[in-house]
C-alpha atoms as a PDB file:
ATOM      1  CA  UNK A   1       0.000   0.000   0.000  1.00  0.00           C
ATOM      2  CA  UNK A   2       2.869   2.412   0.723  1.00  0.00           C
ATOM      3  CA  UNK A   3       4.449   1.661  -2.651  1.00  0.00           C
ATOM      4  CA  UNK A   4       1.145   2.620  -4.278  1.00  0.00           C
ATOM      5  CA  UNK A   5       1.029   5.840  -2.221  1.00  0.00           C
ATOM      6  CA  UNK A   6       4.538   6.863  -3.264  1.00  0.00           C
ATOM      7  CA  UNK A   7       3.834   5.981  -6.909  1.00  0.00           C
ATOM      8  CA  UNK A   8       0.686   8.143  -6.913  1.00  0.00           C
ATOM      9  CA  UNK A   9       2.567  10.952  -5.162  1.00  0.00           C
ATOM     10  CA  UNK A  10       5.315  10.763  -7.806  1.00  0.00           C
ATOM     11  CA  UNK A  11       2.697  10.934 -10.566  1.00  0.00           C
ATOM     12  CA  UNK A  12       1.130  13.966  -8.878  1.00  0.00           C
ATOM     13  CA  UNK A  13       4.511  15.665  -8.663  1.00  0.00           C
ATOM     14  CA  UNK A  14       5.239  14.993 -12.329  1.00  0.00           C
ATOM     15  CA  UNK A  15       1.865  16.376 -13.493  1.00  0.00           C
ATOM     16  CA  UNK A  16       1.441  19.314 -11.094  1.00  0.00           C
ATOM     17  CA  UNK A  17       3.615  21.830 -13.026  1.00  0.00           C
ATOM     18  CA  UNK A  18       1.130  21.639 -15.928  1.00  0.00           C
ATOM     19  CA  UNK A  19      -1.636  22.878 -13.637  1.00  0.00           C
ATOM     20  CA  UNK A  20       0.591  25.652 -12.299  1.00  0.00           C
ATOM     21  CA  UNK A  21       1.733  26.842 -15.688  1.00  0.00           C
ATOM     22  CA  UNK A  22       5.238  25.391 -15.385  1.00  0.00           C
ATOM     23  CA  UNK A  23       6.081  27.144 -12.114  1.00  0.00           C
ATOM     24  CA  UNK A  24       8.515  25.104 -10.025  1.00  0.00           C
ATOM     25  CA  UNK A  25       8.834  22.383 -12.636  1.00  0.00           C
ATOM     26  CA  UNK A  26      12.330  21.323 -11.581  1.00  0.00           C
ATOM     27  CA  UNK A  27      11.426  21.155  -7.911  1.00  0.00           C
ATOM     28  CA  UNK A  28       8.375  18.987  -8.572  1.00  0.00           C
ATOM     29  CA  UNK A  29      10.386  16.646 -10.798  1.00  0.00           C
ATOM     30  CA  UNK A  30      13.004  16.385  -8.034  1.00  0.00           C
ATOM     31  CA  UNK A  31      10.281  15.483  -5.531  1.00  0.00           C
ATOM     32  CA  UNK A  32       8.820  12.911  -7.924  1.00  0.00           C
ATOM     33  CA  UNK A  33      12.200  11.252  -8.369  1.00  0.00           C
ATOM     34  CA  UNK A  34      12.627  11.085  -4.587  1.00  0.00           C
ATOM     35  CA  UNK A  35       9.179   9.444  -4.330  1.00  0.00           C
ATOM     36  CA  UNK A  36      10.126   6.833  -6.927  1.00  0.00           C
ATOM     37  CA  UNK A  37      13.368   6.084  -5.074  1.00  0.00           C
ATOM     38  CA  UNK A  38      11.487   5.693  -1.793  1.00  0.00           C
ATOM     39  CA  UNK A  39       8.990   3.311  -3.448  1.00  0.00           C
ATOM     40  CA  UNK A  40      11.870   1.245  -4.855  1.00  0.00           C
ATOM     41  CA  UNK A  41      13.594   1.135  -1.463  1.00  0.00           C
ATOM     42  CA  UNK A  42      10.335  -0.015   0.072  1.00  0.00           C
ATOM     43  CA  UNK A  43      10.093  -2.870  -2.435  1.00  0.00           C
ATOM     44  CA  UNK A  44      13.731  -3.894  -1.921  1.00  0.00           C
ATOM     45  CA  UNK A  45      13.602  -3.899   1.903  1.00  0.00           C
ATOM     46  CA  UNK A  46      10.241  -5.657   2.219  1.00  0.00           C
ATOM     47  CA  UNK A  47       9.478  -7.201   4.831  1.00  0.00           C
ATOM     48  CA  UNK A  48      12.630  -6.902   6.978  1.00  0.00           C
ATOM     49  CA  UNK A  49      12.792  -3.126   7.197  1.00  0.00           C
ATOM     50  CA  UNK A  50       9.150  -2.297   6.684  1.00  0.00           C
ATOM     51  CA  UNK A  51       8.261  -1.362  10.259  1.00  0.00           C
ATOM     52  CA  UNK A  52      11.193   0.973  10.791  1.00  0.00           C
ATOM     53  CA  UNK A  53      11.270   2.418   7.301  1.00  0.00           C
ATOM     54  CA  UNK A  54       7.602   3.409   7.167  1.00  0.00           C
ATOM     55  CA  UNK A  55       8.158   6.303   9.541  1.00  0.00           C
ATOM     56  CA  UNK A  56      11.472   7.286   8.003  1.00  0.00           C
ATOM     57  CA  UNK A  57      10.197   7.234   4.404  1.00  0.00           C
ATOM     58  CA  UNK A  58       6.977   9.080   5.156  1.00  0.00           C
ATOM     59  CA  UNK A  59       8.900  11.659   7.187  1.00  0.00           C
ATOM     60  CA  UNK A  60      11.469  12.208   4.427  1.00  0.00           C
ATOM     61  CA  UNK A  61       8.667  12.494   1.873  1.00  0.00           C
ATOM     62  CA  UNK A  62       6.854  15.126   3.937  1.00  0.00           C
ATOM     63  CA  UNK A  63      10.062  17.121   4.445  1.00  0.00           C
ATOM     64  CA  UNK A  64      10.915  17.049   0.725  1.00  0.00           C
ATOM     65  CA  UNK A  65       7.340  18.013  -0.250  1.00  0.00           C
ATOM     66  CA  UNK A  66       7.413  20.868   2.251  1.00  0.00           C
ATOM     67  CA  UNK A  67      10.706  22.189   0.895  1.00  0.00           C
ATOM     68  CA  UNK A  68       9.386  21.975  -2.668  1.00  0.00           C
ATOM     69  CA  UNK A  69       6.232  23.890  -1.782  1.00  0.00           C
ATOM     70  CA  UNK A  70       8.251  26.600  -0.002  1.00  0.00           C
ATOM     71  CA  UNK A  71      10.540  26.955  -3.027  1.00  0.00           C
ATOM     72  CA  UNK A  72       7.569  27.209  -5.385  1.00  0.00           C
ATOM     73  CA  UNK A  73       5.970  29.796  -3.094  1.00  0.00           C
ATOM     74  CA  UNK A  74       9.158  31.844  -3.152  1.00  0.00           C
ATOM     75  CA  UNK A  75       9.165  31.658  -6.939  1.00  0.00           C
ATOM     76  CA  UNK A  76       5.546  32.792  -7.237  1.00  0.00           C
ATOM     77  CA  UNK A  77       5.733  35.589  -4.656  1.00  0.00           C
ATOM     78  CA  UNK A  78       8.489  37.885  -5.833  1.00  0.00           C
ATOM     79  CA  UNK A  79       9.237  40.991  -3.762  1.00  0.00           C
ATOM     80  CA  UNK A  80       8.276  44.218  -5.535  1.00  0.00           C
ATOM     81  CA  UNK A  81      11.210  45.958  -7.192  1.00  0.00           C
ATOM     82  CA  UNK A  82      11.529  49.663  -6.476  1.00  0.00           C
END
């Protein structure tokens, strides 16, 4: 189920820049690649590391998504030039 979640999250990150008009495209692609890597690590470590890695992977994913959203916000909101 977590592999499915990370795959859907990667798909969302790859398609979101279209909805935003291309803003933050690189950051969203970076986040999507991280999601794919996490899904692959989940598949490789199943079932030995599943209990410990669930919290680590979800935490890393939330941190990366938060950083991406902050970077996109900073791109959209430019300070006025005087």
